Each structure stands twice: as structure tokens, then as C-alpha cells.
Amino acid sequence: MFPTHPIFSTLPAALAQPFKRAALGLFHGKSIQHGNNVPHSLKKTRRTWLPNVHTKTFESPLLARRVQVKVTARALRTIHKHGGLDQYLLNTSPSLLGDEGMRLRLLVRERLDAQNALEARRAQRAAEVSAKEAAAREAVEKRAKRIKEDKTRRRTSEVEGGLVKGLFAPSG
């Protein structure tokens, strides 16, 4: 289940996780801590503290699906703070994401880039259509102006030529 995709070879070395289980979820930099229990007898015993990990399902609007992932309580709070899984993945530094986080981040980025390209194409088409419509409107206005000028020219030539005077002149 560990990622072997070639794109992961280009990731920075700072993504090295302190323990393998952190590679399978969003641990937000949390790792196993080691220390001692010290009772009243002062006899130290070694122990470990594991991160507070839960399996959660998040809605991803960009991926248009639900994503089930193991998260620590700290990562969960940060996801809520950022306003969702997509924003968390895009805005969090790679050193805190781990392998699974970077895999999800790449998926979200690819989808976001595809959406941006689609919106750019739509905007370009809309601009082309509006330019064509503007040219068509301009041609119609030009034709209407030409027709109006022709009518005005004909009327003035008829008045000057005496046609209107002869037809509508008072008889008598």
C-alpha cells in the first residue's frame, strides 16, 4: 500500500515519515513518542505514546467523491480550520502531509488544474461568441443606418426635384 508512483520520486526528502503507519494517513506531523512511567517507587519503565488516530470519511467537492482516510485529532482540527479536505491538502506544507496526503494532494491539484483549464476554455469561447455577436450587431446597425440615409437622400432629392411639390401642391 506504500506509494511507488514515479511522481513520488520527485518529492522532497523532507517527507520522510518517522514511522511507517504515518505514511498511510494524514497525521499532520504527529508521531510516536517515547518516555518513561515514573511511579512513587521511582522505578522507571519505558513506554510509548501513540498518536490519536481515527478513520474518517471526508467529502471532496473537487474529486467529486468521498475519501476515507486515517487522521489524527490534530489533523482533523486543521482540516476543519481550513474549511475541508481539499483546502487542507492544497494549503498544508508537504512536510506535514506525508505520503497519503501528497497522493491526495496530487489528485486534487490535477482535478483543480483540469477545472481551471475548462473554465478558461469556456471563457475564451464566450469571448469569441460575444465578439461574433458584437460584429453581427454592428453589421445590422450599419445596414439600418445605410437604409435610413438612403431614405433621407431619396426624400431630399424628391423635394428638390419637385415631385412632392407637384403631387401635394394645392390645386387651383
N, C-alpha and C. Protein backbone atom coordinates (compact mmCIF):
# COMPACT_ATOMS: atom_id res chain seq x y z
N MET A 1 0.82 -1.19 0.00
CA MET A 1 0.00 0.00 0.00
C MET A 1 0.86 1.25 0.00
N PHE A 2 2.17 1.11 0.12
CA PHE A 2 3.02 2.28 0.09
C PHE A 2 3.16 2.75 -1.34
N PRO A 3 3.12 4.06 -1.57
CA PRO A 3 3.13 4.58 -2.94
C PRO A 3 4.44 4.32 -3.65
N THR A 4 4.33 3.88 -4.90
CA THR A 4 5.52 3.64 -5.71
C THR A 4 5.41 4.40 -7.03
N HIS A 5 4.46 5.29 -7.13
CA HIS A 5 4.25 6.06 -8.34
C HIS A 5 5.51 6.87 -8.65
N PRO A 6 5.90 6.98 -9.93
CA PRO A 6 7.14 7.69 -10.25
C PRO A 6 7.14 9.15 -9.82
N ILE A 7 5.97 9.74 -9.72
CA ILE A 7 5.93 11.16 -9.33
C ILE A 7 6.40 11.36 -7.90
N PHE A 8 6.31 10.32 -7.07
CA PHE A 8 6.75 10.44 -5.68
C PHE A 8 8.27 10.51 -5.57
N SER A 9 8.98 10.09 -6.60
CA SER A 9 10.44 10.18 -6.55
C SER A 9 10.90 11.63 -6.65
N THR A 10 10.02 12.52 -7.16
CA THR A 10 10.38 13.92 -7.29
C THR A 10 10.06 14.72 -6.04
N LEU A 11 9.39 14.11 -5.07
CA LEU A 11 9.02 14.84 -3.86
C LEU A 11 10.25 15.11 -3.00
N PRO A 12 10.21 16.17 -2.21
CA PRO A 12 11.37 16.49 -1.38
C PRO A 12 11.63 15.43 -0.33
N ALA A 13 12.88 15.38 0.12
CA ALA A 13 13.27 14.39 1.12
C ALA A 13 12.67 14.71 2.48
N ALA A 14 12.13 15.91 2.66
CA ALA A 14 11.54 16.30 3.94
C ALA A 14 10.28 15.50 4.25
N LEU A 15 9.81 14.72 3.29
CA LEU A 15 8.60 13.95 3.51
C LEU A 15 8.85 12.65 4.26
N ALA A 16 10.06 12.40 4.66
CA ALA A 16 10.37 11.17 5.38
C ALA A 16 9.55 11.11 6.66
N GLN A 17 8.80 10.04 6.82
CA GLN A 17 7.92 9.90 7.97
C GLN A 17 8.67 9.22 9.11
N PRO A 18 8.35 9.57 10.35
CA PRO A 18 9.04 8.98 11.49
C PRO A 18 8.67 7.52 11.70
N PHE A 19 7.50 7.09 11.27
CA PHE A 19 7.14 5.68 11.36
C PHE A 19 6.21 5.34 10.21
N LYS A 20 6.18 4.06 9.85
CA LYS A 20 5.52 3.64 8.61
C LYS A 20 4.02 3.92 8.60
N ARG A 21 3.37 3.79 9.74
CA ARG A 21 1.92 3.96 9.76
C ARG A 21 1.52 5.38 9.39
N ALA A 22 2.39 6.34 9.62
CA ALA A 22 2.08 7.73 9.27
C ALA A 22 1.98 7.92 7.76
N ALA A 23 2.59 7.03 6.99
CA ALA A 23 2.53 7.14 5.53
C ALA A 23 1.15 6.78 5.01
N LEU A 24 0.33 6.12 5.81
CA LEU A 24 -0.98 5.64 5.36
C LEU A 24 -2.12 6.58 5.72
N GLY A 25 -1.82 7.74 6.26
CA GLY A 25 -2.89 8.65 6.65
C GLY A 25 -2.40 10.08 6.75
N LEU A 26 -3.29 10.94 7.26
CA LEU A 26 -2.97 12.35 7.47
C LEU A 26 -2.67 12.54 8.95
N PHE A 27 -1.40 12.52 9.30
CA PHE A 27 -1.00 12.59 10.71
C PHE A 27 -0.56 13.99 11.11
N HIS A 28 -0.43 14.90 10.19
CA HIS A 28 -0.09 16.31 10.43
C HIS A 28 1.15 16.45 11.32
N GLY A 29 2.16 15.64 11.04
CA GLY A 29 3.42 15.73 11.75
C GLY A 29 3.47 15.00 13.08
N LYS A 30 2.38 14.40 13.50
CA LYS A 30 2.38 13.67 14.78
C LYS A 30 3.06 12.32 14.59
N SER A 31 3.76 11.88 15.63
CA SER A 31 4.45 10.60 15.55
C SER A 31 4.41 9.92 16.92
N ILE A 32 5.00 8.74 16.98
CA ILE A 32 5.09 8.01 18.25
C ILE A 32 6.07 8.75 19.16
N GLN A 33 5.68 8.90 20.43
CA GLN A 33 6.59 9.50 21.41
C GLN A 33 7.00 8.43 22.41
N HIS A 34 8.22 8.53 22.88
CA HIS A 34 8.76 7.56 23.82
C HIS A 34 9.11 8.27 25.12
N GLY A 35 8.96 7.55 26.22
CA GLY A 35 9.30 8.12 27.51
C GLY A 35 9.25 7.07 28.59
N ASN A 36 9.14 7.53 29.82
CA ASN A 36 9.14 6.64 30.98
C ASN A 36 7.91 6.90 31.83
N ASN A 37 7.38 5.83 32.40
CA ASN A 37 6.44 5.96 33.51
C ASN A 37 7.27 6.01 34.78
N VAL A 38 7.00 6.97 35.63
CA VAL A 38 7.77 7.09 36.87
C VAL A 38 6.78 7.08 38.04
N PRO A 39 6.65 5.93 38.74
CA PRO A 39 5.72 5.86 39.88
C PRO A 39 6.40 6.40 41.15
N HIS A 40 5.71 6.24 42.29
CA HIS A 40 6.27 6.71 43.57
C HIS A 40 7.55 5.99 43.93
N SER A 41 7.69 4.75 43.48
CA SER A 41 8.90 3.99 43.81
C SER A 41 10.10 4.44 42.98
N LEU A 42 9.85 5.34 42.02
CA LEU A 42 10.88 5.89 41.14
C LEU A 42 11.53 4.84 40.24
N LYS A 43 10.87 3.69 40.07
CA LYS A 43 11.37 2.69 39.13
C LYS A 43 10.81 3.02 37.75
N LYS A 44 11.67 3.48 36.87
CA LYS A 44 11.24 3.90 35.54
C LYS A 44 10.94 2.68 34.66
N THR A 45 9.85 2.79 33.93
CA THR A 45 9.53 1.77 32.93
C THR A 45 9.27 2.47 31.60
N ARG A 46 9.86 1.95 30.55
CA ARG A 46 9.70 2.56 29.23
C ARG A 46 8.28 2.38 28.73
N ARG A 47 7.82 3.38 27.99
CA ARG A 47 6.51 3.28 27.36
C ARG A 47 6.48 4.17 26.12
N THR A 48 5.45 4.00 25.33
CA THR A 48 5.28 4.82 24.13
C THR A 48 3.90 5.44 24.14
N TRP A 49 3.78 6.60 23.53
CA TRP A 49 2.50 7.26 23.34
C TRP A 49 2.23 7.32 21.84
N LEU A 50 1.12 6.72 21.43
CA LEU A 50 0.75 6.69 20.02
C LEU A 50 -0.13 7.89 19.68
N PRO A 51 -0.10 8.35 18.45
CA PRO A 51 -0.97 9.46 18.05
C PRO A 51 -2.44 9.05 18.14
N ASN A 52 -3.30 10.02 18.37
CA ASN A 52 -4.74 9.81 18.47
C ASN A 52 -5.30 9.70 17.05
N VAL A 53 -5.38 8.48 16.53
CA VAL A 53 -5.73 8.25 15.12
C VAL A 53 -7.16 7.72 15.01
N HIS A 54 -7.91 8.29 14.06
CA HIS A 54 -9.27 7.85 13.77
C HIS A 54 -9.43 7.70 12.26
N THR A 55 -10.30 6.81 11.86
CA THR A 55 -10.63 6.69 10.44
C THR A 55 -11.85 7.54 10.17
N LYS A 56 -11.72 8.49 9.26
CA LYS A 56 -12.80 9.42 8.94
C LYS A 56 -13.05 9.41 7.44
N THR A 57 -14.27 9.76 7.07
CA THR A 57 -14.65 9.90 5.68
C THR A 57 -14.96 11.36 5.41
N PHE A 58 -14.32 11.93 4.40
CA PHE A 58 -14.50 13.34 4.06
C PHE A 58 -15.10 13.46 2.67
N GLU A 59 -15.96 14.47 2.49
CA GLU A 59 -16.45 14.82 1.16
C GLU A 59 -15.40 15.67 0.47
N SER A 60 -15.10 15.33 -0.76
CA SER A 60 -14.17 16.13 -1.54
C SER A 60 -14.91 16.68 -2.76
N PRO A 61 -15.28 17.96 -2.72
CA PRO A 61 -16.00 18.54 -3.86
C PRO A 61 -15.17 18.52 -5.15
N LEU A 62 -13.88 18.71 -5.05
CA LEU A 62 -13.05 18.71 -6.25
C LEU A 62 -12.93 17.32 -6.86
N LEU A 63 -12.79 16.31 -6.01
CA LEU A 63 -12.68 14.94 -6.52
C LEU A 63 -14.06 14.35 -6.81
N ALA A 64 -15.11 15.00 -6.33
CA ALA A 64 -16.49 14.56 -6.52
C ALA A 64 -16.73 13.16 -5.96
N ARG A 65 -16.14 12.90 -4.81
CA ARG A 65 -16.35 11.61 -4.15
C ARG A 65 -15.98 11.74 -2.68
N ARG A 66 -16.27 10.67 -1.95
CA ARG A 66 -15.89 10.61 -0.54
C ARG A 66 -14.53 9.95 -0.42
N VAL A 67 -13.73 10.45 0.53
CA VAL A 67 -12.39 9.93 0.73
C VAL A 67 -12.29 9.44 2.17
N GLN A 68 -11.99 8.16 2.34
CA GLN A 68 -11.81 7.61 3.68
C GLN A 68 -10.32 7.54 3.97
N VAL A 69 -9.93 8.14 5.09
CA VAL A 69 -8.51 8.24 5.41
C VAL A 69 -8.35 8.24 6.93
N LYS A 70 -7.19 7.76 7.40
CA LYS A 70 -6.87 7.80 8.82
C LYS A 70 -6.30 9.17 9.13
N VAL A 71 -6.84 9.82 10.15
CA VAL A 71 -6.38 11.16 10.53
C VAL A 71 -6.16 11.22 12.03
N THR A 72 -5.22 12.06 12.45
CA THR A 72 -5.04 12.33 13.87
C THR A 72 -6.00 13.43 14.27
N ALA A 73 -6.20 13.58 15.57
CA ALA A 73 -7.10 14.63 16.07
C ALA A 73 -6.58 16.01 15.65
N ARG A 74 -5.28 16.18 15.67
CA ARG A 74 -4.70 17.46 15.26
C ARG A 74 -4.98 17.74 13.79
N ALA A 75 -4.81 16.74 12.93
CA ALA A 75 -5.09 16.91 11.50
C ALA A 75 -6.57 17.19 11.28
N LEU A 76 -7.43 16.55 12.06
CA LEU A 76 -8.87 16.76 11.93
C LEU A 76 -9.24 18.20 12.26
N ARG A 77 -8.66 18.74 13.34
CA ARG A 77 -8.92 20.14 13.70
C ARG A 77 -8.42 21.08 12.60
N THR A 78 -7.27 20.76 12.03
CA THR A 78 -6.71 21.61 10.98
C THR A 78 -7.56 21.53 9.71
N ILE A 79 -8.09 20.36 9.40
CA ILE A 79 -8.97 20.21 8.23
C ILE A 79 -10.20 21.08 8.41
N HIS A 80 -10.79 21.05 9.59
CA HIS A 80 -11.97 21.88 9.85
C HIS A 80 -11.61 23.37 9.78
N LYS A 81 -10.43 23.72 10.27
CA LYS A 81 -9.98 25.11 10.24
C LYS A 81 -9.82 25.61 8.81
N HIS A 82 -9.29 24.76 7.93
CA HIS A 82 -9.09 25.15 6.54
C HIS A 82 -10.38 25.12 5.74
N GLY A 83 -11.42 24.51 6.26
CA GLY A 83 -12.69 24.50 5.56
C GLY A 83 -12.92 23.29 4.68
N GLY A 84 -12.26 22.20 4.94
CA GLY A 84 -12.48 20.99 4.18
C GLY A 84 -11.18 20.32 3.78
N LEU A 85 -11.32 19.08 3.33
CA LEU A 85 -10.16 18.28 2.97
C LEU A 85 -9.38 18.88 1.81
N ASP A 86 -10.09 19.36 0.78
CA ASP A 86 -9.41 19.89 -0.40
C ASP A 86 -8.53 21.09 -0.03
N GLN A 87 -9.08 22.02 0.73
CA GLN A 87 -8.30 23.20 1.12
C GLN A 87 -7.14 22.82 2.03
N TYR A 88 -7.36 21.86 2.91
CA TYR A 88 -6.28 21.39 3.79
C TYR A 88 -5.13 20.84 2.96
N LEU A 89 -5.45 20.00 1.99
CA LEU A 89 -4.41 19.38 1.17
C LEU A 89 -3.66 20.40 0.33
N LEU A 90 -4.37 21.42 -0.16
CA LEU A 90 -3.73 22.41 -1.02
C LEU A 90 -2.89 23.41 -0.23
N ASN A 91 -3.27 23.69 1.03
CA ASN A 91 -2.62 24.76 1.78
C ASN A 91 -1.61 24.29 2.82
N THR A 92 -1.56 23.00 3.11
CA THR A 92 -0.65 22.50 4.14
C THR A 92 0.71 22.18 3.52
N SER A 93 1.76 22.42 4.28
CA SER A 93 3.11 22.17 3.76
C SER A 93 3.32 20.66 3.59
N PRO A 94 4.12 20.28 2.60
CA PRO A 94 4.35 18.85 2.33
C PRO A 94 4.98 18.11 3.49
N SER A 95 5.73 18.79 4.33
CA SER A 95 6.38 18.10 5.45
C SER A 95 5.36 17.61 6.47
N LEU A 96 4.16 18.18 6.48
CA LEU A 96 3.13 17.75 7.43
C LEU A 96 2.14 16.76 6.81
N LEU A 97 2.16 16.60 5.50
CA LEU A 97 1.16 15.75 4.85
C LEU A 97 1.52 14.27 4.84
N GLY A 98 2.73 13.92 4.55
CA GLY A 98 3.09 12.51 4.44
C GLY A 98 2.75 11.97 3.07
N ASP A 99 2.96 10.68 2.88
CA ASP A 99 2.78 10.06 1.56
C ASP A 99 1.32 10.06 1.11
N GLU A 100 0.42 9.65 1.99
CA GLU A 100 -1.00 9.61 1.63
C GLU A 100 -1.52 11.02 1.35
N GLY A 101 -1.10 11.96 2.16
CA GLY A 101 -1.52 13.35 1.95
C GLY A 101 -1.01 13.89 0.62
N MET A 102 0.22 13.56 0.27
CA MET A 102 0.76 14.02 -1.01
C MET A 102 0.06 13.34 -2.18
N ARG A 103 -0.30 12.08 -2.01
CA ARG A 103 -1.05 11.38 -3.07
C ARG A 103 -2.39 12.07 -3.31
N LEU A 104 -3.09 12.36 -2.21
CA LEU A 104 -4.38 13.05 -2.33
C LEU A 104 -4.21 14.46 -2.88
N ARG A 105 -3.13 15.12 -2.45
CA ARG A 105 -2.87 16.48 -2.93
C ARG A 105 -2.67 16.49 -4.44
N LEU A 106 -1.93 15.52 -4.96
CA LEU A 106 -1.71 15.44 -6.40
C LEU A 106 -3.03 15.21 -7.14
N LEU A 107 -3.89 14.35 -6.60
CA LEU A 107 -5.19 14.11 -7.23
C LEU A 107 -6.03 15.39 -7.25
N VAL A 108 -6.04 16.10 -6.12
CA VAL A 108 -6.83 17.34 -6.02
C VAL A 108 -6.27 18.39 -6.96
N ARG A 109 -4.95 18.52 -7.01
CA ARG A 109 -4.32 19.52 -7.89
C ARG A 109 -4.61 19.23 -9.36
N GLU A 110 -4.53 17.95 -9.74
CA GLU A 110 -4.82 17.60 -11.13
C GLU A 110 -6.26 17.96 -11.48
N ARG A 111 -7.19 17.65 -10.59
CA ARG A 111 -8.60 17.96 -10.83
C ARG A 111 -8.82 19.47 -10.88
N LEU A 112 -8.14 20.20 -9.98
CA LEU A 112 -8.27 21.66 -9.95
C LEU A 112 -7.71 22.28 -11.23
N ASP A 113 -6.57 21.78 -11.70
CA ASP A 113 -5.99 22.28 -12.95
C ASP A 113 -6.92 21.99 -14.13
N ALA A 114 -7.53 20.80 -14.13
CA ALA A 114 -8.46 20.45 -15.20
C ALA A 114 -9.67 21.38 -15.19
N GLN A 115 -10.19 21.68 -13.99
CA GLN A 115 -11.33 22.59 -13.89
C GLN A 115 -10.95 24.00 -14.35
N ASN A 116 -9.77 24.46 -13.95
CA ASN A 116 -9.32 25.80 -14.37
C ASN A 116 -9.16 25.87 -15.88
N ALA A 117 -8.62 24.82 -16.48
CA ALA A 117 -8.45 24.80 -17.93
C ALA A 117 -9.82 24.81 -18.62
N LEU A 118 -10.77 24.06 -18.07
CA LEU A 118 -12.11 24.03 -18.64
C LEU A 118 -12.78 25.40 -18.55
N GLU A 119 -12.64 26.05 -17.39
CA GLU A 119 -13.22 27.39 -17.22
C GLU A 119 -12.55 28.39 -18.17
N ALA A 120 -11.25 28.26 -18.37
CA ALA A 120 -10.56 29.16 -19.29
C ALA A 120 -11.06 28.96 -20.72
N ARG A 121 -11.25 27.69 -21.11
CA ARG A 121 -11.79 27.42 -22.46
C ARG A 121 -13.20 27.97 -22.60
N ARG A 122 -14.02 27.80 -21.57
CA ARG A 122 -15.39 28.35 -21.62
C ARG A 122 -15.36 29.86 -21.73
N ALA A 123 -14.49 30.51 -20.97
CA ALA A 123 -14.39 31.97 -21.03
C ALA A 123 -13.92 32.42 -22.41
N GLN A 124 -12.97 31.68 -23.00
CA GLN A 124 -12.48 32.02 -24.33
C GLN A 124 -13.59 31.86 -25.36
N ARG A 125 -14.35 30.76 -25.26
CA ARG A 125 -15.47 30.57 -26.20
C ARG A 125 -16.51 31.67 -26.03
N ALA A 126 -16.80 32.03 -24.78
CA ALA A 126 -17.77 33.09 -24.53
C ALA A 126 -17.29 34.41 -25.11
N ALA A 127 -15.99 34.68 -24.99
CA ALA A 127 -15.43 35.91 -25.56
C ALA A 127 -15.53 35.89 -27.08
N GLU A 128 -15.26 34.72 -27.69
CA GLU A 128 -15.36 34.61 -29.14
C GLU A 128 -16.80 34.79 -29.60
N VAL A 129 -17.74 34.18 -28.87
CA VAL A 129 -19.16 34.30 -29.23
C VAL A 129 -19.61 35.74 -29.07
N SER A 130 -19.20 36.39 -27.98
CA SER A 130 -19.61 37.78 -27.77
C SER A 130 -18.99 38.69 -28.83
N ALA A 131 -17.76 38.37 -29.26
CA ALA A 131 -17.14 39.16 -30.33
C ALA A 131 -17.91 38.97 -31.64
N LYS A 132 -18.32 37.74 -31.93
CA LYS A 132 -19.11 37.49 -33.14
C LYS A 132 -20.46 38.19 -33.06
N GLU A 133 -21.10 38.12 -31.88
CA GLU A 133 -22.38 38.80 -31.71
C GLU A 133 -22.22 40.30 -31.86
N ALA A 134 -21.14 40.86 -31.31
CA ALA A 134 -20.90 42.29 -31.43
C ALA A 134 -20.69 42.67 -32.90
N ALA A 135 -19.95 41.85 -33.63
CA ALA A 135 -19.73 42.11 -35.06
C ALA A 135 -21.05 42.02 -35.82
N ALA A 136 -21.89 41.05 -35.49
CA ALA A 136 -23.18 40.91 -36.15
C ALA A 136 -24.07 42.11 -35.83
N ARG A 137 -24.10 42.53 -34.56
CA ARG A 137 -24.88 43.69 -34.16
C ARG A 137 -24.40 44.94 -34.90
N GLU A 138 -23.09 45.07 -34.99
CA GLU A 138 -22.52 46.23 -35.68
C GLU A 138 -22.92 46.23 -37.15
N ALA A 139 -22.91 45.06 -37.78
CA ALA A 139 -23.31 44.96 -39.19
C ALA A 139 -24.78 45.32 -39.36
N VAL A 140 -25.64 44.87 -38.44
CA VAL A 140 -27.07 45.19 -38.52
C VAL A 140 -27.27 46.69 -38.34
N GLU A 141 -26.57 47.28 -37.37
CA GLU A 141 -26.70 48.72 -37.14
C GLU A 141 -26.20 49.51 -38.34
N LYS A 142 -25.12 49.06 -38.94
CA LYS A 142 -24.56 49.72 -40.11
C LYS A 142 -25.56 49.68 -41.27
N ARG A 143 -26.18 48.51 -41.46
CA ARG A 143 -27.16 48.36 -42.54
C ARG A 143 -28.38 49.24 -42.29
N ALA A 144 -28.86 49.28 -41.03
CA ALA A 144 -30.02 50.12 -40.69
C ALA A 144 -29.69 51.59 -40.93
N LYS A 145 -28.49 52.00 -40.58
CA LYS A 145 -28.06 53.38 -40.79
C LYS A 145 -28.01 53.70 -42.28
N ARG A 146 -27.48 52.77 -43.07
CA ARG A 146 -27.39 52.97 -44.51
C ARG A 146 -28.79 53.09 -45.13
N ILE A 147 -29.72 52.26 -44.69
CA ILE A 147 -31.09 52.31 -45.21
C ILE A 147 -31.73 53.64 -44.85
N LYS A 148 -31.53 54.09 -43.62
CA LYS A 148 -32.09 55.36 -43.17
C LYS A 148 -31.51 56.51 -43.99
N GLU A 149 -30.20 56.48 -44.22
CA GLU A 149 -29.56 57.53 -45.02
C GLU A 149 -30.09 57.51 -46.45
N ASP A 150 -30.31 56.31 -47.02
CA ASP A 150 -30.85 56.21 -48.38
C ASP A 150 -32.25 56.81 -48.45
N LYS A 151 -33.09 56.52 -47.45
CA LYS A 151 -34.45 57.08 -47.42
C LYS A 151 -34.40 58.60 -47.34
N THR A 152 -33.53 59.10 -46.47
CA THR A 152 -33.41 60.55 -46.31
C THR A 152 -32.92 61.18 -47.61
N ARG A 153 -31.95 60.56 -48.25
CA ARG A 153 -31.42 61.07 -49.51
C ARG A 153 -32.50 61.08 -50.59
N ARG A 154 -33.31 60.02 -50.67
CA ARG A 154 -34.39 59.95 -51.66
C ARG A 154 -35.42 61.05 -51.41
N ARG A 155 -35.78 61.25 -50.14
CA ARG A 155 -36.77 62.28 -49.82
C ARG A 155 -36.26 63.67 -50.22
N THR A 156 -35.01 63.94 -49.86
CA THR A 156 -34.47 65.27 -50.21
C THR A 156 -34.37 65.44 -51.72
N SER A 157 -34.01 64.39 -52.42
CA SER A 157 -33.93 64.51 -53.88
C SER A 157 -35.32 64.68 -54.50
N GLU A 158 -36.33 64.06 -53.90
CA GLU A 158 -37.70 64.21 -54.41
C GLU A 158 -38.20 65.62 -54.15
N VAL A 159 -37.90 66.15 -52.98
CA VAL A 159 -38.35 67.51 -52.65
C VAL A 159 -37.65 68.51 -53.57
N GLU A 160 -36.35 68.32 -53.75
CA GLU A 160 -35.59 69.22 -54.62
C GLU A 160 -36.02 69.07 -56.07
N GLY A 161 -36.41 67.90 -56.45
CA GLY A 161 -36.81 67.66 -57.85
C GLY A 161 -38.23 68.12 -58.14
N GLY A 162 -38.96 68.48 -57.14
CA GLY A 162 -40.30 68.99 -57.35
C GLY A 162 -41.36 67.92 -57.42
N LEU A 163 -41.03 66.67 -57.18
CA LEU A 163 -42.04 65.62 -57.25
C LEU A 163 -43.06 65.76 -56.15
N VAL A 164 -42.62 66.02 -54.96
CA VAL A 164 -43.54 66.14 -53.84
C VAL A 164 -44.37 67.40 -54.01
N LYS A 165 -43.74 68.46 -54.50
CA LYS A 165 -44.45 69.73 -54.67
C LYS A 165 -45.58 69.56 -55.68
N GLY A 166 -45.33 68.85 -56.74
CA GLY A 166 -46.33 68.68 -57.77
C GLY A 166 -47.47 67.78 -57.34
N LEU A 167 -47.20 66.78 -56.55
CA LEU A 167 -48.25 65.87 -56.14
C LEU A 167 -49.12 66.45 -55.05
N PHE A 168 -48.50 67.15 -54.12
CA PHE A 168 -49.24 67.62 -52.95
C PHE A 168 -49.50 69.12 -53.00
N ALA A 169 -49.23 69.72 -54.07
CA ALA A 169 -49.44 71.16 -54.19
C ALA A 169 -50.95 71.45 -54.25
N PRO A 170 -51.34 72.58 -53.69
CA PRO A 170 -52.77 72.91 -53.74
C PRO A 170 -53.22 73.15 -55.19
N SER A 171 -54.34 72.61 -55.49
CA SER A 171 -54.82 72.73 -56.86
C SER A 171 -55.59 74.05 -57.00
N GLY A 172 -55.48 74.64 -58.09
CA GLY A 172 -56.29 75.77 -58.23
C GLY A 172 -55.93 76.95 -58.82
